[in-house]
C-alpha atoms as a PDB file:
ATOM      1  CA  MET A   1      43.807  60.382  84.403  1.00  0.00           C
ATOM      2  CA  GLN A   2      45.486  63.604  83.261  1.00  0.00           C
ATOM      3  CA  PHE A   3      45.868  62.274  79.716  1.00  0.00           C
ATOM      4  CA  ALA A   4      42.162  61.409  79.609  1.00  0.00           C
ATOM      5  CA  ARG A   5      41.197  64.774  81.071  1.00  0.00           C
ATOM      6  CA  ALA A   6      43.237  66.423  78.304  1.00  0.00           C
ATOM      7  CA  GLY A   7      41.166  64.615  75.661  1.00  0.00           C
ATOM      8  CA  HIS A   8      43.401  61.587  74.959  1.00  0.00           C
ATOM      9  CA  PRO A   9      41.849  58.106  75.220  1.00  0.00           C
ATOM     10  CA  ALA A  10      43.755  56.182  77.911  1.00  0.00           C
ATOM     11  CA  ALA A  11      43.712  52.674  79.349  1.00  0.00           C
ATOM     12  CA  LEU A  12      44.377  52.044  83.050  1.00  0.00           C
ATOM     13  CA  TRP A  13      45.771  48.531  83.550  1.00  0.00           C
ATOM     14  CA  SER A  14      45.539  46.572  86.792  1.00  0.00           C
ATOM     15  CA  ARG A  15      47.186  43.208  87.262  1.00  0.00           C
ATOM     16  CA  GLU A  16      44.199  41.994  89.334  1.00  0.00           C
ATOM     17  CA  PRO A  17      41.043  41.294  87.254  1.00  0.00           C
ATOM     18  CA  ALA A  18      38.771  41.838  90.254  1.00  0.00           C
ATOM     19  CA  HIS A  19      40.345  45.214  90.949  1.00  0.00           C
ATOM     20  CA  ALA A  20      40.028  46.213  87.277  1.00  0.00           C
ATOM     21  CA  ALA A  21      36.331  45.239  87.358  1.00  0.00           C
ATOM     22  CA  ALA A  22      35.807  47.352  90.489  1.00  0.00           C
ATOM     23  CA  LEU A  23      37.503  50.321  88.827  1.00  0.00           C
ATOM     24  CA  GLN A  24      35.242  49.945  85.817  1.00  0.00           C
ATOM     25  CA  ARG A  25      32.108  49.597  87.957  1.00  0.00           C
ATOM     26  CA  ASP A  26      32.800  52.439  90.408  1.00  0.00           C
ATOM     27  CA  ARG A  27      34.547  54.743  87.875  1.00  0.00           C
ATOM     28  CA  ARG A  28      37.032  55.630  90.607  1.00  0.00           C
ATOM     29  CA  ASN A  29      39.786  54.001  92.683  1.00  0.00           C
ATOM     30  CA  ALA A  30      37.844  53.548  95.898  1.00  0.00           C
ATOM     31  CA  ARG A  31      40.892  52.119  97.673  1.00  0.00           C
ATOM     32  CA  TYR A  32      43.386  54.943  97.078  1.00  0.00           C
ATOM     33  CA  LEU A  33      41.607  57.926  95.461  1.00  0.00           C
ATOM     34  CA  PRO A  34      37.912  57.724  96.325  1.00  0.00           C
ATOM     35  CA  ASP A  35      37.292  61.415  95.566  1.00  0.00           C
ATOM     36  CA  ALA A  36      38.793  61.360  92.050  1.00  0.00           C
ATOM     37  CA  ALA A  37      36.174  60.322  89.491  1.00  0.00           C
ATOM     38  CA  PHE A  38      37.488  58.796  86.271  1.00  0.00           C
ATOM     39  CA  PRO A  39      37.163  60.867  83.072  1.00  0.00           C
ATOM     40  CA  GLU A  40      35.022  59.380  80.313  1.00  0.00           C
ATOM     41  CA  LEU A  41      38.086  58.661  78.159  1.00  0.00           C
ATOM     42  CA  LEU A  42      39.769  56.527  80.845  1.00  0.00           C
ATOM     43  CA  GLU A  43      39.100  52.792  80.467  1.00  0.00           C
ATOM     44  CA  PRO A  44      40.213  50.390  83.256  1.00  0.00           C
ATOM     45  CA  THR A  45      41.282  46.928  82.075  1.00  0.00           C
ATOM     46  CA  ALA A  46      43.087  43.787  83.214  1.00  0.00           C
ATOM     47  CA  ASP A  47      44.114  42.849  79.651  1.00  0.00           C
ATOM     48  CA  LEU A  48      47.671  44.138  79.288  1.00  0.00           C
ATOM     49  CA  ARG A  49      48.045  42.999  75.686  1.00  0.00           C
ATOM     50  CA  ALA A  50      44.889  44.818  74.556  1.00  0.00           C
ATOM     51  CA  ALA A  51      45.805  47.959  76.494  1.00  0.00           C
ATOM     52  CA  VAL A  52      49.271  48.126  74.943  1.00  0.00           C
ATOM     53  CA  ALA A  53      48.103  47.290  71.418  1.00  0.00           C
ATOM     54  CA  ALA A  54      45.917  50.395  71.322  1.00  0.00           C
ATOM     55  CA  ALA A  55      48.500  52.710  72.903  1.00  0.00           C
ATOM     56  CA  ASP A  56      51.084  55.001  71.358  1.00  0.00           C
ATOM     57  CA  ASP A  57      52.711  55.603  74.746  1.00  0.00           C
ATOM     58  CA  VAL A  58      52.988  53.384  77.814  1.00  0.00           C
ATOM     59  CA  LEU A  59      53.564  54.879  81.267  1.00  0.00           C
ATOM     60  CA  ILE A  60      54.525  52.562  84.145  1.00  0.00           C
ATOM     61  CA  ALA A  61      53.695  53.717  87.667  1.00  0.00           C
ATOM     62  CA  VAL A  62      54.464  50.787  89.951  1.00  0.00           C
ATOM     63  CA  PRO A  63      56.640  50.378  93.068  1.00  0.00           C
ATOM     64  CA  SER A  64      60.275  49.501  92.443  1.00  0.00           C
ATOM     65  CA  HIS A  65      59.801  45.909  93.655  1.00  0.00           C
ATOM     66  CA  ALA A  66      57.157  45.366  90.941  1.00  0.00           C
ATOM     67  CA  LEU A  67      59.028  47.034  88.077  1.00  0.00           C
ATOM     68  CA  ARG A  68      60.933  43.939  86.907  1.00  0.00           C
ATOM     69  CA  GLU A  69      57.784  41.821  86.702  1.00  0.00           C
ATOM     70  CA  THR A  70      55.919  44.544  84.822  1.00  0.00           C
ATOM     71  CA  LEU A  71      58.781  45.115  82.361  1.00  0.00           C
ATOM     72  CA  THR A  72      59.088  41.369  81.782  1.00  0.00           C
ATOM     73  CA  ALA A  73      55.423  41.211  80.808  1.00  0.00           C
ATOM     74  CA  LEU A  74      55.774  44.254  78.536  1.00  0.00           C
ATOM     75  CA  SER A  75      58.947  42.992  76.844  1.00  0.00           C
ATOM     76  CA  ALA A  76      56.920  40.337  75.021  1.00  0.00           C
ATOM     77  CA  LEU A  77      54.571  42.946  73.543  1.00  0.00           C
ATOM     78  CA  SER A  78      54.938  45.452  70.725  1.00  0.00           C
ATOM     79  CA  LEU A  79      55.731  48.830  72.274  1.00  0.00           C
ATOM     80  CA  ARG A  80      56.147  52.185  70.578  1.00  0.00           C
ATOM     81  CA  ARG A  81      57.305  54.426  73.421  1.00  0.00           C
ATOM     82  CA  LEU A  82      57.768  53.670  77.090  1.00  0.00           C
ATOM     83  CA  ALA A  83      58.337  55.750  80.203  1.00  0.00           C
ATOM     84  CA  TRP A  84      58.238  54.997  83.902  1.00  0.00           C
ATOM     85  CA  ALA A  85      57.571  56.969  87.065  1.00  0.00           C
ATOM     86  CA  THR A  86      59.180  54.367  89.318  1.00  0.00           C
ATOM     87  CA  LYS A  87      61.792  55.601  91.759  1.00  0.00           C
ATOM     88  CA  GLY A  88      64.138  53.925  94.213  1.00  0.00           C
ATOM     89  CA  PHE A  89      65.971  50.645  93.563  1.00  0.00           C
ATOM     90  CA  GLU A  90      65.438  46.915  93.682  1.00  0.00           C
ATOM     91  CA  LEU A  91      66.006  45.615  97.207  1.00  0.00           C
ATOM     92  CA  ASP A  92      67.602  42.323  96.173  1.00  0.00           C
ATOM     93  CA  THR A  93      69.865  43.640  93.372  1.00  0.00           C
ATOM     94  CA  GLY A  94      70.368  47.328  94.213  1.00  0.00           C
ATOM     95  CA  LEU A  95      69.682  48.212  90.569  1.00  0.00           C
ATOM     96  CA  LEU A  96      68.081  51.523  89.628  1.00  0.00           C
ATOM     97  CA  PRO A  97      64.998  51.524  87.345  1.00  0.00           C
ATOM     98  CA  PHE A  98      66.931  52.387  84.165  1.00  0.00           C
ATOM     99  CA  GLN A  99      69.374  49.549  84.907  1.00  0.00           C
ATOM    100  CA  VAL A 100      66.526  47.079  85.322  1.00  0.00           C
ATOM    101  CA  ALA A 101      65.010  48.303  82.054  1.00  0.00           C
ATOM    102  CA  GLY A 102      68.345  47.971  80.292  1.00  0.00           C
ATOM    103  CA  LYS A 103      68.450  44.264  81.140  1.00  0.00           C
ATOM    104  CA  LEU A 104      64.894  43.502  80.014  1.00  0.00           C
ATOM    105  CA  LEU A 105      63.957  45.818  77.148  1.00  0.00           C
ATOM    106  CA  PRO A 106      65.337  46.057  73.586  1.00  0.00           C
ATOM    107  CA  ALA A 107      67.760  48.887  72.870  1.00  0.00           C
ATOM    108  CA  SER A 108      65.270  50.432  70.429  1.00  0.00           C
ATOM    109  CA  LEU A 109      63.068  51.413  73.375  1.00  0.00           C
ATOM    110  CA  LEU A 110      65.817  52.806  75.525  1.00  0.00           C
ATOM    111  CA  GLY A 111      67.407  56.223  75.502  1.00  0.00           C
ATOM    112  CA  GLY A 112      70.806  56.739  77.074  1.00  0.00           C
ATOM    113  CA  ALA A 113      72.536  58.407  79.951  1.00  0.00           C
ATOM    114  CA  VAL A 114      74.051  61.827  80.413  1.00  0.00           C
ATOM    115  CA  LEU A 115      77.098  61.893  82.674  1.00  0.00           C
ATOM    116  CA  VAL A 116      77.375  65.097  84.688  1.00  0.00           C
ATOM    117  CA  LEU A 117      80.493  66.098  86.614  1.00  0.00           C
ATOM    118  CA  ALA A 118      79.517  67.758  89.904  1.00  0.00           C
ATOM    119  CA  ALA A 119      82.094  68.407  92.637  1.00  0.00           C
ATOM    120  CA  ASP A 120      84.354  65.611  91.323  1.00  0.00           C
ATOM    121  CA  ILE A 121      81.409  63.170  91.365  1.00  0.00           C
ATOM    122  CA  VAL A 122      79.965  61.686  88.174  1.00  0.00           C
ATOM    123  CA  LEU A 123      76.173  61.746  88.196  1.00  0.00           C
ATOM    124  CA  ARG A 124      74.411  59.441  85.750  1.00  0.00           C
ATOM    125  CA  LEU A 125      71.057  60.754  84.473  1.00  0.00           C
ATOM    126  CA  ALA A 126      68.877  58.401  82.431  1.00  0.00           C
ATOM    127  CA  MET A 127      67.222  60.298  79.576  1.00  0.00           C
ATOM    128  CA  PRO A 128      65.351  59.448  76.384  1.00  0.00           C
ATOM    129  CA  ALA A 129      67.114  59.725  73.059  1.00  0.00           C
ATOM    130  CA  GLY A 130      66.954  63.120  71.378  1.00  0.00           C
ATOM    131  CA  ARG A 131      68.379  66.620  71.348  1.00  0.00           C
ATOM    132  CA  PHE A 132      68.364  68.647  74.562  1.00  0.00           C
ATOM    133  CA  ASP A 133      69.097  72.250  75.399  1.00  0.00           C
ATOM    134  CA  VAL A 134      71.255  72.492  78.525  1.00  0.00           C
ATOM    135  CA  GLU A 135      71.622  75.447  80.860  1.00  0.00           C
ATOM    136  CA  ARG A 136      74.026  75.925  83.756  1.00  0.00           C
ATOM    137  CA  ARG A 137      73.237  78.615  86.287  1.00  0.00           C
ATOM    138  CA  SER A 138      75.715  80.145  88.673  1.00  0.00           C
ATOM    139  CA  ARG A 139      76.470  83.487  90.229  1.00  0.00           C
ATOM    140  CA  ASP A 140      78.645  84.205  87.169  1.00  0.00           C
ATOM    141  CA  GLY A 141      75.671  83.907  84.847  1.00  0.00           C
ATOM    142  CA  ARG A 142      73.866  81.337  82.752  1.00  0.00           C
ATOM    143  CA  ALA A 143      75.785  79.144  80.339  1.00  0.00           C
ATOM    144  CA  ARG A 144      73.852  77.411  77.563  1.00  0.00           C
ATOM    145  CA  GLY A 145      74.640  74.480  75.304  1.00  0.00           C
ATOM    146  CA  GLU A 146      73.074  71.454  73.677  1.00  0.00           C
ATOM    147  CA  ILE A 147      73.592  67.699  73.677  1.00  0.00           C
ATOM    148  CA  THR A 148      72.268  64.964  71.397  1.00  0.00           C
ATOM    149  CA  LEU A 149      71.716  61.554  72.959  1.00  0.00           C
ATOM    150  CA  VAL A 150      71.541  58.401  70.853  1.00  0.00           C
ATOM    151  CA  ARG A 151      69.784  55.299  72.083  1.00  0.00           C
ATOM    152  CA  GLY A 152      72.018  53.118  74.206  1.00  0.00           C
ATOM    153  CA  GLU A 153      74.713  55.788  74.397  1.00  0.00           C
ATOM    154  CA  ASP A 154      76.456  57.370  77.375  1.00  0.00           C
ATOM    155  CA  ARG A 155      77.432  61.009  76.815  1.00  0.00           C
ATOM    156  CA  LEU A 156      79.548  63.215  79.039  1.00  0.00           C
ATOM    157  CA  LEU A 157      77.905  66.594  79.430  1.00  0.00           C
ATOM    158  CA  PRO A 158      80.514  69.221  78.525  1.00  0.00           C
ATOM    159  CA  ILE A 159      81.445  71.704  81.220  1.00  0.00           C
ATOM    160  CA  LEU A 160      79.555  74.876  80.412  1.00  0.00           C
ATOM    161  CA  GLN A 161      81.202  78.205  81.114  1.00  0.00           C
ATOM    162  CA  PRO A 162      79.261  81.463  80.725  1.00  0.00           C
ATOM    163  CA  THR A 163      80.454  83.823  78.025  1.00  0.00           C
ATOM    164  CA  ARG A 164      81.441  87.377  78.921  1.00  0.00           C
ATOM    165  CA  TYR A 165      78.048  88.483  77.646  1.00  0.00           C
ATOM    166  CA  GLU A 166      76.321  86.020  79.997  1.00  0.00           C
ATOM    167  CA  VAL A 167      78.462  87.170  82.913  1.00  0.00           C
ATOM    168  CA  ALA A 168      77.571  90.783  82.119  1.00  0.00           C
ATOM    169  CA  ARG A 169      73.874  89.886  81.910  1.00  0.00           C
ATOM    170  CA  SER A 170      73.948  88.330  85.385  1.00  0.00           C
ATOM    171  CA  LYS A 171      75.089  91.746  86.655  1.00  0.00           C
ATOM    172  CA  GLY A 172      72.527  93.831  84.790  1.00  0.00           C
ATOM    173  CA  GLY A 173      74.046  93.816  81.308  1.00  0.00           C
ATOM    174  CA  PRO A 174      72.128  93.790  77.999  1.00  0.00           C
ATOM    175  CA  LEU A 175      69.694  91.097  76.923  1.00  0.00           C
ATOM    176  CA  PRO A 176      70.710  88.763  74.053  1.00  0.00           C
ATOM    177  CA  THR A 177      68.696  90.642  71.416  1.00  0.00           C
ATOM    178  CA  GLU A 178      68.189  94.396  71.194  1.00  0.00           C
ATOM    179  CA  THR A 179      66.615  96.719  68.678  1.00  0.00           C
ATOM    180  CA  PHE A 180      67.791 100.314  68.616  1.00  0.00           C
ATOM    181  CA  ALA A 181      67.247 103.711  67.020  1.00  0.00           C
ATOM    182  CA  GLY A 182      68.779 107.130  67.461  1.00  0.00           C
ATOM    183  CA  LEU A 183      70.398 110.239  66.050  1.00  0.00           C
ATOM    184  CA  GLY A 184      73.992 111.076  65.240  1.00  0.00           C
ATOM    185  CA  ALA A 185      76.437 112.614  62.816  1.00  0.00           C
ATOM    186  CA  MET A 186      78.519 111.377  59.874  1.00  0.00           C
ATOM    187  CA  VAL A 187      81.515 112.826  58.053  1.00  0.00           C
ATOM    188  CA  VAL A 188      80.577 113.649  54.455  1.00  0.00           C
ATOM    189  CA  SER A 189      82.998 112.034  52.005  1.00  0.00           C
ATOM    190  CA  MET A 190      82.730 114.776  49.372  1.00  0.00           C
ATOM    191  CA  PRO A 191      85.065 117.826  49.327  1.00  0.00           C
ATOM    192  CA  SER A 192      83.949 120.572  51.739  1.00  0.00           C
ATOM    193  CA  GLY A 193      81.207 118.233  52.929  1.00  0.00           C
ATOM    194  CA  GLY A 194      81.879 118.617  56.609  1.00  0.00           C
ATOM    195  CA  VAL A 195      79.604 116.731  59.009  1.00  0.00           C
ATOM    196  CA  ALA A 196      76.011 115.710  58.269  1.00  0.00           C
ATOM    197  CA  PRO A 197      73.263 114.831  60.765  1.00  0.00           C
ATOM    198  CA  SER A 198      72.211 111.185  60.591  1.00  0.00           C
ATOM    199  CA  VAL A 199      69.577 108.715  61.725  1.00  0.00           C
ATOM    200  CA  ARG A 200      70.449 105.159  62.778  1.00  0.00           C
ATOM    201  CA  ALA A 201      68.331 102.066  63.477  1.00  0.00           C
ATOM    202  CA  GLY A 202      69.090  98.379  63.684  1.00  0.00           C
ATOM    203  CA  ILE A 203      69.321  95.209  65.708  1.00  0.00           C
ATOM    204  CA  ARG A 204      71.965  93.610  67.897  1.00  0.00           C
ATOM    205  CA  ARG A 205      72.069  89.861  68.490  1.00  0.00           C
ATOM    206  CA  GLU A 206      74.453  87.763  70.575  1.00  0.00           C
ATOM    207  CA  ALA A 207      75.823  84.548  69.097  1.00  0.00           C
ATOM    208  CA  GLY A 208      77.825  82.718  71.747  1.00  0.00           C
ATOM    209  CA  PRO A 209      80.839  84.776  72.802  1.00  0.00           C
ATOM    210  CA  ALA A 210      80.328  87.395  70.064  1.00  0.00           C
ATOM    211  CA  GLY A 211      77.676  89.921  69.154  1.00  0.00           C
ATOM    212  CA  LEU A 212      76.443  90.962  65.708  1.00  0.00           C
ATOM    213  CA  ILE A 213      75.155  94.482  65.098  1.00  0.00           C
ATOM    214  CA  LEU A 214      73.265  95.194  61.890  1.00  0.00           C
ATOM    215  CA  SER A 215      72.521  98.893  61.443  1.00  0.00           C
ATOM    216  CA  PHE A 216      70.928 101.128  58.810  1.00  0.00           C
ATOM    217  CA  ASP A 217      71.893 104.785  58.458  1.00  0.00           C
ATOM    218  CA  TYR A 218      70.606 107.823  56.646  1.00  0.00           C
ATOM    219  CA  ALA A 219      72.490 111.134  56.480  1.00  0.00           C
ATOM    220  CA  GLY A 220      71.938 114.298  54.508  1.00  0.00           C
ATOM    221  CA  LYS A 221      72.928 117.982  54.305  1.00  0.00           C
ATOM    222  CA  GLU A 222      73.384 120.988  52.034  1.00  0.00           C
ATOM    223  CA  VAL A 223      76.977 121.363  50.766  1.00  0.00           C
ATOM    224  CA  ARG A 224      78.781 124.386  49.279  1.00  0.00           C
ATOM    225  CA  ASP A 225      82.009 123.621  47.437  1.00  0.00           C
ATOM    226  CA  ARG A 226      83.786 126.498  45.666  1.00  0.00           C
ATOM    227  CA  GLY A 227      80.589 128.193  44.634  1.00  0.00           C
ATOM    228  CA  LEU A 228      78.749 124.977  43.838  1.00  0.00           C
ATOM    229  CA  SER A 229      75.747 124.194  45.996  1.00  0.00           C
ATOM    230  CA  TYR A 230      74.118 120.784  46.128  1.00  0.00           C
ATOM    231  CA  SER A 231      72.198 118.455  48.424  1.00  0.00           C
ATOM    232  CA  TRP A 232      74.043 115.366  49.588  1.00  0.00           C
ATOM    233  CA  SER A 233      72.464 112.264  51.077  1.00  0.00           C
ATOM    234  CA  ARG A 234      73.571 108.752  51.842  1.00  0.00           C
ATOM    235  CA  VAL A 235      71.670 105.567  52.692  1.00  0.00           C
ATOM    236  CA  GLY A 236      73.770 102.706  53.990  1.00  0.00           C
ATOM    237  CA  ALA A 237      73.911  99.479  55.967  1.00  0.00           C
ATOM    238  CA  GLU A 238      76.693  98.190  58.189  1.00  0.00           C
ATOM    239  CA  ALA A 239      77.433  94.900  59.939  1.00  0.00           C
ATOM    240  CA  ALA A 240      79.766  94.762  62.933  1.00  0.00           C
ATOM    241  CA  LEU A 241      81.156  91.712  64.719  1.00  0.00           C
ATOM    242  CA  MET A 242      81.620  92.684  68.357  1.00  0.00           C
ATOM    243  CA  LEU A 243      83.219  91.344  71.512  1.00  0.00           C
ATOM    244  CA  PRO A 244      82.701  92.610  75.070  1.00  0.00           C
ATOM    245  CA  ILE A 245      85.750  94.578  76.180  1.00  0.00           C
ATOM    246  CA  ALA A 246      84.978  95.800  79.669  1.00  0.00           C
ATOM    247  CA  GLY A 247      82.192  96.298  82.144  1.00  0.00           C
ATOM    248  CA  ALA A 248      79.006  94.417  82.954  1.00  0.00           C
ATOM    249  CA  ARG A 249      75.953  96.544  83.750  1.00  0.00           C
ATOM    250  CA  ARG A 250      77.726  99.322  81.861  1.00  0.00           C
ATOM    251  CA  LEU A 251      79.175  97.473  78.908  1.00  0.00           C
ATOM    252  CA  VAL A 252      81.794  98.424  76.323  1.00  0.00           C
ATOM    253  CA  GLU A 253      81.948  96.375  73.102  1.00  0.00           C
ATOM    254  CA  GLY A 254      84.361  96.642  70.209  1.00  0.00           C
ATOM    255  CA  GLY A 255      84.960  94.932  66.896  1.00  0.00           C
ATOM    256  CA  VAL A 256      85.319  95.145  63.149  1.00  0.00           C
ATOM    257  CA  ALA A 257      82.717  96.565  60.786  1.00  0.00           C
ATOM    258  CA  ALA A 258      81.984  96.602  57.076  1.00  0.00           C
ATOM    259  CA  GLY A 259      79.188  98.176  55.080  1.00  0.00           C
ATOM    260  CA  TYR A 260      77.834  99.487  51.837  1.00  0.00           C
ATOM    261  CA  GLY A 261      76.030 102.698  51.005  1.00  0.00           C
ATOM    262  CA  TRP A 262      74.551 104.742  48.217  1.00  0.00           C
ATOM    263  CA  SER A 263      75.321 108.487  48.003  1.00  0.00           C
ATOM    264  CA  THR A 264      73.401 111.005  45.921  1.00  0.00           C
ATOM    265  CA  GLN A 265      74.282 114.572  44.879  1.00  0.00           C
ATOM    266  CA  THR A 266      71.396 116.734  43.732  1.00  0.00           C
ATOM    267  CA  LEU A 267      72.241 120.053  42.068  1.00  0.00           C
ATOM    268  CA  ARG A 268      70.072 123.159  42.124  1.00  0.00           C
ATOM    269  CA  ASP A 269      68.911 122.460  38.565  1.00  0.00           C
ATOM    270  CA  ARG A 270      67.605 119.049  39.760  1.00  0.00           C
ATOM    271  CA  ARG A 271      70.334 117.056  38.077  1.00  0.00           C
ATOM    272  CA  SER A 272      71.523 114.242  40.321  1.00  0.00           C
ATOM    273  CA  PHE A 273      74.490 111.893  40.450  1.00  0.00           C
ATOM    274  CA  SER A 274      74.601 108.682  42.468  1.00  0.00           C
ATOM    275  CA  ALA A 275      77.277 106.182  43.306  1.00  0.00           C
ATOM    276  CA  GLY A 276      77.836 103.289  45.682  1.00  0.00           C
ATOM    277  CA  ASP A 277      80.575 103.105  48.283  1.00  0.00           C
ATOM    278  CA  ALA A 278      82.086 100.443  50.536  1.00  0.00           C
ATOM    279  CA  THR A 279      83.286 101.010  54.093  1.00  0.00           C
ATOM    280  CA  ALA A 280      85.517  99.015  56.412  1.00  0.00           C
ATOM    281  CA  GLY A 281      86.914  99.753  59.830  1.00  0.00           C
ATOM    282  CA  PHE A 282      86.268  99.428  63.533  1.00  0.00           C
ATOM    283  CA  ALA A 283      83.196  99.890  65.714  1.00  0.00           C
ATOM    284  CA  LEU A 284      82.803 100.732  69.392  1.00  0.00           C
ATOM    285  CA  ARG A 285      79.655 100.728  71.532  1.00  0.00           C
ATOM    286  CA  ALA A 286      79.326 101.827  75.157  1.00  0.00           C
ATOM    287  CA  SER A 287      75.891 101.189  76.690  1.00  0.00           C
ATOM    288  CA  VAL A 288      74.320 101.898  80.080  1.00  0.00           C
ATOM    289  CA  PRO A 289      70.892 100.987  81.514  1.00  0.00           C
ATOM    290  CA  ILE A 290      68.169 103.586  81.861  1.00  0.00           C
ATOM    291  CA  GLY A 291      65.192 101.961  83.548  1.00  0.00           C
ATOM    292  CA  ARG A 292      63.929  99.110  81.361  1.00  0.00           C
ATOM    293  CA  LEU A 293      65.834 100.456  78.360  1.00  0.00           C
ATOM    294  CA  ARG A 294      69.486 101.070  77.605  1.00  0.00           C
ATOM    295  CA  THR A 295      71.205 103.925  75.840  1.00  0.00           C
ATOM    296  CA  ALA A 296      74.432 103.601  73.895  1.00  0.00           C
ATOM    297  CA  LEU A 297      77.065 105.690  72.172  1.00  0.00           C
ATOM    298  CA  ASP A 298      78.001 104.141  68.824  1.00  0.00           C
ATOM    299  CA  LEU A 299      81.303 105.167  67.237  1.00  0.00           C
ATOM    300  CA  SER A 300      82.795 103.844  64.029  1.00  0.00           C
ATOM    301  CA  GLY A 301      85.883 104.747  62.062  1.00  0.00           C
ATOM    302  CA  GLY A 302      87.646 103.478  58.995  1.00  0.00           C
ATOM    303  CA  VAL A 303      87.786 104.170  55.287  1.00  0.00           C
ATOM    304  CA  ARG A 304      85.178 104.720  52.585  1.00  0.00           C
ATOM    305  CA  ILE A 305      85.989 103.745  48.994  1.00  0.00           C
ATOM    306  CA  PHE A 306      84.029 105.043  45.999  1.00  0.00           C
ATOM    307  CA  GLU A 307      84.378 106.100  42.363  1.00  0.00           C
ATOM    308  CA  LEU A 308      84.437 109.820  41.480  1.00  0.00           C
ATOM    309  CA  ASP A 309      85.191 111.175  37.978  1.00  0.00           C
ATOM    310  CA  ASP A 310      86.482 107.745  36.885  1.00  0.00           C
ATOM    311  CA  ALA A 311      88.948 107.671  39.779  1.00  0.00           C
ATOM    312  CA  ARG A 312      88.919 105.526  42.911  1.00  0.00           C
ATOM    313  CA  ILE A 313      88.705 107.731  45.976  1.00  0.00           C
ATOM    314  CA  VAL A 314      89.529 106.716  49.546  1.00  0.00           C
ATOM    315  CA  ARG A 315      88.216 108.942  52.318  1.00  0.00           C
ATOM    316  CA  PRO A 316      87.957 108.636  56.088  1.00  0.00           C
ATOM    317  CA  ALA A 317      84.662 107.134  57.269  1.00  0.00           C
ATOM    318  CA  LEU A 318      83.716 108.490  60.677  1.00  0.00           C
ATOM    319  CA  SER A 319      80.353 108.486  62.410  1.00  0.00           C
ATOM    320  CA  GLY A 320      78.806 108.622  65.854  1.00  0.00           C
ATOM    321  CA  SER A 321      75.275 108.076  67.140  1.00  0.00           C
ATOM    322  CA  LEU A 322      73.398 108.141  70.411  1.00  0.00           C
ATOM    323  CA  VAL A 323      70.820 105.353  70.349  1.00  0.00           C
ATOM    324  CA  VAL A 324      68.167 103.910  72.636  1.00  0.00           C
ATOM    325  CA  LEU A 325      68.006 100.123  72.897  1.00  0.00           C
ATOM    326  CA  TYR A 326      65.123  97.817  73.734  1.00  0.00           C
ATOM    327  CA  GLY A 327      66.126  94.292  74.749  1.00  0.00           C
ATOM    328  CA  PHE A 328      64.212  91.035  74.620  1.00  0.00           C
END
């Protein structure tokens, strides 16, 4: 009835022709559901072959003692997809519905079974073939995985353990994806450059036990070097692979980082000189919740390599930012 109400033509089969005729005449099941009128797209019938021939999907809803007889009748017909809502077991054999189906139906119609270890007991769950996302919930957090089930196959569900990120999230830690923006400071690589104010924005995304931070930075300031005055600016991007180090609700992450930037010097006479640079080093982030948001201190340190006057220059690369994060 729900399929028909949703706009899908559906056939309702009854093994008794007289009962099927009564369903068609009354447009309701007067015996069991007298108050539920049939939708227009629901067609009662006693012709199983005709009902199945016009169907993409067949749903069996019979008592367990009638399942074998129904499956036997269906096994001689051409079926596309089959499901059943039968529960319990056969009284004379003790077989569960999926075991009865396994003895009567071709393997092409069957899915498989997922074996779940629970308290030293193996639970067998009959499931259709396909790919499934799996989630395990515990007080230590949610652990996620996936399993692909082939028809006729038994698969042991792997034991899922939450990552340190998932454990932290169960205690108020960050969500899997966060965007962020903030202000900070960066050491200028040029002589007498000092420290320049900077702007940072980016995204952080967890991938299993690790986190990836992709950030974009802009820094700029006026520099005086031995009587020479110029404007210095740098636009750069950095990627950091992070791991949780300590904490949960207040989380500390650390990892390795690499990036590329483009620095520009603009003299007072409007002449400008630009060059690219590469950075590599370490990154550290310490974040705490503030209401629905989080705030974090980002620190990075390493080396910056660039060309200056036809020579390769290596300078320290140091920066720090205070950012606000929005998780989703």
